[in-house]
Amino acid sequence: MPASDRLDPPLDALAAWHRRGTRFFETMRRLARRAPSVVVDAAARGDADAVAAYFDRLIAVHCEDEERDLFPALIESMAGSDPVCLREMIEGLTDEHRALAAAWRRLRPDFAALAAGTPWALDAELVDAFIGRCERLFRREDEELLPMASRLLSDEARAAILAAMLARRRRAPEGR
């Protein structure tokens, strides 16, 4: 999202999760394409651990922010009208969250093993497919969902979303 299209704090925070994720994509690709070796160096272990921590929290916390707080607030903002297109978008994004979580469950053991020092077992094709799924989801949320939320949500709804996000982060353990 261009800097000129600044959102309010809770929506900024959601967009920031996407920007952080894109920084991990190159790390994931680099790790997946690195030639296996008997010894896994500390840098690779650290990179794999950081990737796992980010995606664990993305799926556990970020998706919950959207599904429990943002999506219902958007539907509520449309009360009195027929938000069919909004409901379809939210259902599609929720389905994508589930598919992303399933794809991450397939990849996570390999990143955890690498972080623990086990030689490479990353499948470059699976990593590329996962990244492609993330990029499509992040783009749709950044280009469609968050601008719509910025237009539709009241200050009260935004404050409630932010409060719920902050409470969720206080409850969620760091990393995994």
Protein backbone atom coordinates (compact mmCIF):
# COMPACT_ATOMS: atom_id res chain seq x y z
CA MET A 1 0.00 0.00 0.00
CA PRO A 2 1.50 3.39 -0.97
CA ALA A 3 2.58 5.59 1.92
CA SER A 4 0.11 8.26 0.77
CA ASP A 5 -2.75 5.83 1.43
CA ARG A 6 -2.15 5.79 5.21
CA LEU A 7 -4.72 3.91 7.20
CA ASP A 8 -5.72 4.34 10.82
CA PRO A 9 -3.70 2.43 13.48
CA PRO A 10 -5.48 -0.96 13.52
CA LEU A 11 -5.58 -1.11 9.73
CA ASP A 12 -1.98 0.12 9.54
CA ALA A 13 -1.02 -2.70 11.90
CA LEU A 14 -2.71 -5.29 9.68
CA ALA A 15 -0.98 -3.93 6.58
CA ALA A 16 2.34 -3.92 8.44
CA TRP A 17 2.00 -7.68 9.03
CA HIS A 18 1.87 -8.10 5.26
CA ARG A 19 4.94 -5.92 4.70
CA ARG A 20 6.87 -7.90 7.33
CA GLY A 21 5.86 -11.13 5.63
CA THR A 22 7.14 -10.06 2.25
CA ARG A 23 10.58 -9.56 3.79
CA PHE A 24 10.60 -13.24 4.75
CA PHE A 25 9.78 -14.47 1.25
CA GLU A 26 13.31 -13.98 -0.08
CA THR A 27 14.74 -15.65 3.03
CA MET A 28 12.45 -18.63 2.45
CA ARG A 29 13.42 -18.84 -1.23
CA ARG A 30 17.12 -18.59 -0.39
CA LEU A 31 16.86 -21.33 2.22
CA ALA A 32 14.85 -23.58 -0.09
CA ARG A 33 17.39 -23.23 -2.91
CA ARG A 34 20.52 -23.61 -0.81
CA ALA A 35 22.42 -26.78 -1.45
CA PRO A 36 22.05 -29.29 1.37
CA SER A 37 25.03 -29.62 3.64
CA VAL A 38 25.93 -31.84 6.55
CA VAL A 39 26.29 -28.86 8.88
CA VAL A 40 23.60 -26.21 9.13
CA ASP A 41 25.18 -22.87 9.98
CA ALA A 42 23.87 -20.53 12.66
CA ALA A 43 22.62 -18.00 10.11
CA ALA A 44 20.43 -20.57 8.38
CA ARG A 45 19.13 -21.84 11.72
CA GLY A 46 18.30 -18.28 12.78
CA ASP A 47 16.62 -17.48 9.47
CA ALA A 48 14.51 -20.64 9.61
CA ASP A 49 13.50 -19.91 13.21
CA ALA A 50 12.53 -16.32 12.32
CA VAL A 51 10.42 -17.53 9.37
CA ALA A 52 8.65 -20.07 11.58
CA ALA A 53 7.99 -17.50 14.32
CA TYR A 54 6.53 -14.98 11.85
CA PHE A 55 4.20 -17.42 10.11
CA ASP A 56 3.14 -19.06 13.37
CA ARG A 57 2.04 -15.66 14.65
CA LEU A 58 0.57 -14.58 11.31
CA ILE A 59 -1.71 -17.57 11.32
CA ALA A 60 -2.47 -17.57 15.04
CA VAL A 61 -2.87 -13.85 15.64
CA HIS A 62 -3.14 -11.85 12.42
CA CYS A 63 -5.79 -14.05 10.82
CA GLU A 64 -7.71 -14.00 14.10
CA ASP A 65 -7.55 -10.18 14.12
CA GLU A 66 -9.26 -10.16 10.76
CA GLU A 67 -11.74 -12.98 11.32
CA ARG A 68 -12.86 -12.13 14.86
CA ASP A 69 -12.71 -8.36 14.71
CA LEU A 70 -12.28 -6.76 11.29
CA PHE A 71 -14.64 -8.97 9.26
CA PRO A 72 -17.57 -8.76 11.75
CA ALA A 73 -17.07 -4.98 12.09
CA LEU A 74 -17.24 -4.62 8.33
CA ILE A 75 -20.45 -6.65 8.14
CA GLU A 76 -21.89 -4.57 10.98
CA SER A 77 -20.94 -1.37 9.15
CA MET A 78 -23.18 -2.49 6.32
CA ALA A 79 -26.20 -3.15 8.56
CA GLY A 80 -29.39 -2.15 6.81
CA SER A 81 -27.99 -2.86 3.38
CA ASP A 82 -27.32 -6.08 1.54
CA PRO A 83 -23.56 -6.62 1.82
CA VAL A 84 -23.48 -9.65 -0.52
CA CYS A 85 -20.19 -8.67 -2.19
CA LEU A 86 -18.63 -7.93 1.21
CA ARG A 87 -19.80 -11.27 2.60
CA GLU A 88 -18.42 -13.06 -0.45
CA MET A 89 -15.07 -11.29 -0.05
CA ILE A 90 -14.91 -12.16 3.65
CA GLU A 91 -15.85 -15.81 3.00
CA GLY A 92 -13.17 -15.99 0.29
CA LEU A 93 -10.54 -14.44 2.55
CA THR A 94 -11.49 -16.74 5.41
CA ASP A 95 -11.14 -19.73 3.06
CA GLU A 96 -7.73 -18.40 2.01
CA HIS A 97 -6.70 -18.10 5.66
CA ARG A 98 -7.60 -21.77 6.14
CA ALA A 99 -5.70 -22.81 3.01
CA LEU A 100 -2.69 -20.74 4.09
CA ALA A 101 -2.75 -22.36 7.53
CA ALA A 102 -2.88 -25.82 5.93
CA ALA A 103 0.01 -24.97 3.60
CA TRP A 104 2.04 -23.65 6.54
CA ARG A 105 1.35 -26.85 8.52
CA ARG A 106 3.00 -28.77 5.67
CA LEU A 107 6.05 -26.48 5.58
CA ARG A 108 6.53 -25.70 9.27
CA PRO A 109 8.16 -29.01 10.30
CA ASP A 110 10.87 -28.49 7.68
CA PHE A 111 11.62 -24.96 8.89
CA ALA A 112 11.58 -26.14 12.52
CA ALA A 113 13.99 -28.97 11.67
CA LEU A 114 16.29 -26.56 9.86
CA ALA A 115 16.15 -24.15 12.81
CA ALA A 116 17.18 -27.06 15.05
CA GLY A 117 20.18 -27.79 12.84
CA THR A 118 18.88 -30.69 10.77
CA PRO A 119 20.23 -30.60 7.20
CA TRP A 120 18.00 -29.25 4.46
CA ALA A 121 14.70 -30.84 3.66
CA LEU A 122 12.97 -27.78 2.19
CA ASP A 123 11.00 -28.39 -1.00
CA ALA A 124 11.55 -25.33 -3.22
CA GLU A 125 8.30 -25.93 -5.12
CA LEU A 126 6.26 -26.07 -1.90
CA VAL A 127 7.99 -22.94 -0.62
CA ASP A 128 7.27 -21.11 -3.91
CA ALA A 129 3.61 -22.22 -3.86
CA PHE A 130 3.25 -21.05 -0.25
CA ILE A 131 4.83 -17.67 -1.02
CA GLY A 132 2.58 -17.26 -4.08
CA ARG A 133 -0.48 -17.95 -1.92
CA CYS A 134 0.71 -15.38 0.65
CA GLU A 135 1.43 -12.77 -2.00
CA ARG A 136 -2.02 -13.15 -3.56
CA LEU A 137 -3.74 -12.99 -0.16
CA PHE A 138 -1.71 -10.00 1.06
CA ARG A 139 -2.31 -8.14 -2.23
CA ARG A 140 -6.07 -8.72 -2.07
CA GLU A 141 -6.25 -7.58 1.54
CA ASP A 142 -4.05 -4.52 0.91
CA GLU A 143 -5.82 -3.48 -2.30
CA GLU A 144 -9.44 -4.39 -1.50
CA LEU A 145 -10.13 -5.23 2.14
CA LEU A 146 -8.16 -2.59 4.05
CA PRO A 147 -9.16 0.38 1.84
CA MET A 148 -12.79 -0.74 2.16
CA ALA A 149 -12.41 -0.99 5.92
CA SER A 150 -10.86 2.47 6.02
CA ARG A 151 -13.92 3.87 4.23
CA LEU A 152 -16.61 1.94 6.11
CA LEU A 153 -15.52 1.59 9.72
CA SER A 154 -16.50 4.15 12.31
CA ASP A 155 -14.01 5.53 14.80
CA GLU A 156 -15.72 3.41 17.48
CA ALA A 157 -15.33 0.23 15.41
CA ARG A 158 -11.67 1.01 14.76
CA ALA A 159 -11.05 1.59 18.46
CA ALA A 160 -12.75 -1.72 19.32
CA ILE A 161 -10.66 -3.57 16.72
CA LEU A 162 -7.47 -2.01 18.06
CA ALA A 163 -8.38 -2.91 21.65
CA ALA A 164 -9.08 -6.52 20.66
CA MET A 165 -5.81 -6.73 18.72
CA LEU A 166 -3.83 -5.40 21.68
CA ALA A 167 -5.56 -7.81 24.08
CA ARG A 168 -4.85 -10.73 21.73
CA ARG A 169 -1.17 -9.84 21.63
CA ARG A 170 -0.99 -9.68 25.40
CA ARG A 171 -2.45 -13.21 25.57
CA ALA A 172 -0.49 -14.74 22.66
CA PRO A 173 2.91 -16.23 23.48
CA GLU A 174 5.84 -14.79 21.56
CA GLY A 175 7.12 -16.89 18.68
CA ARG A 176 5.08 -20.07 18.63
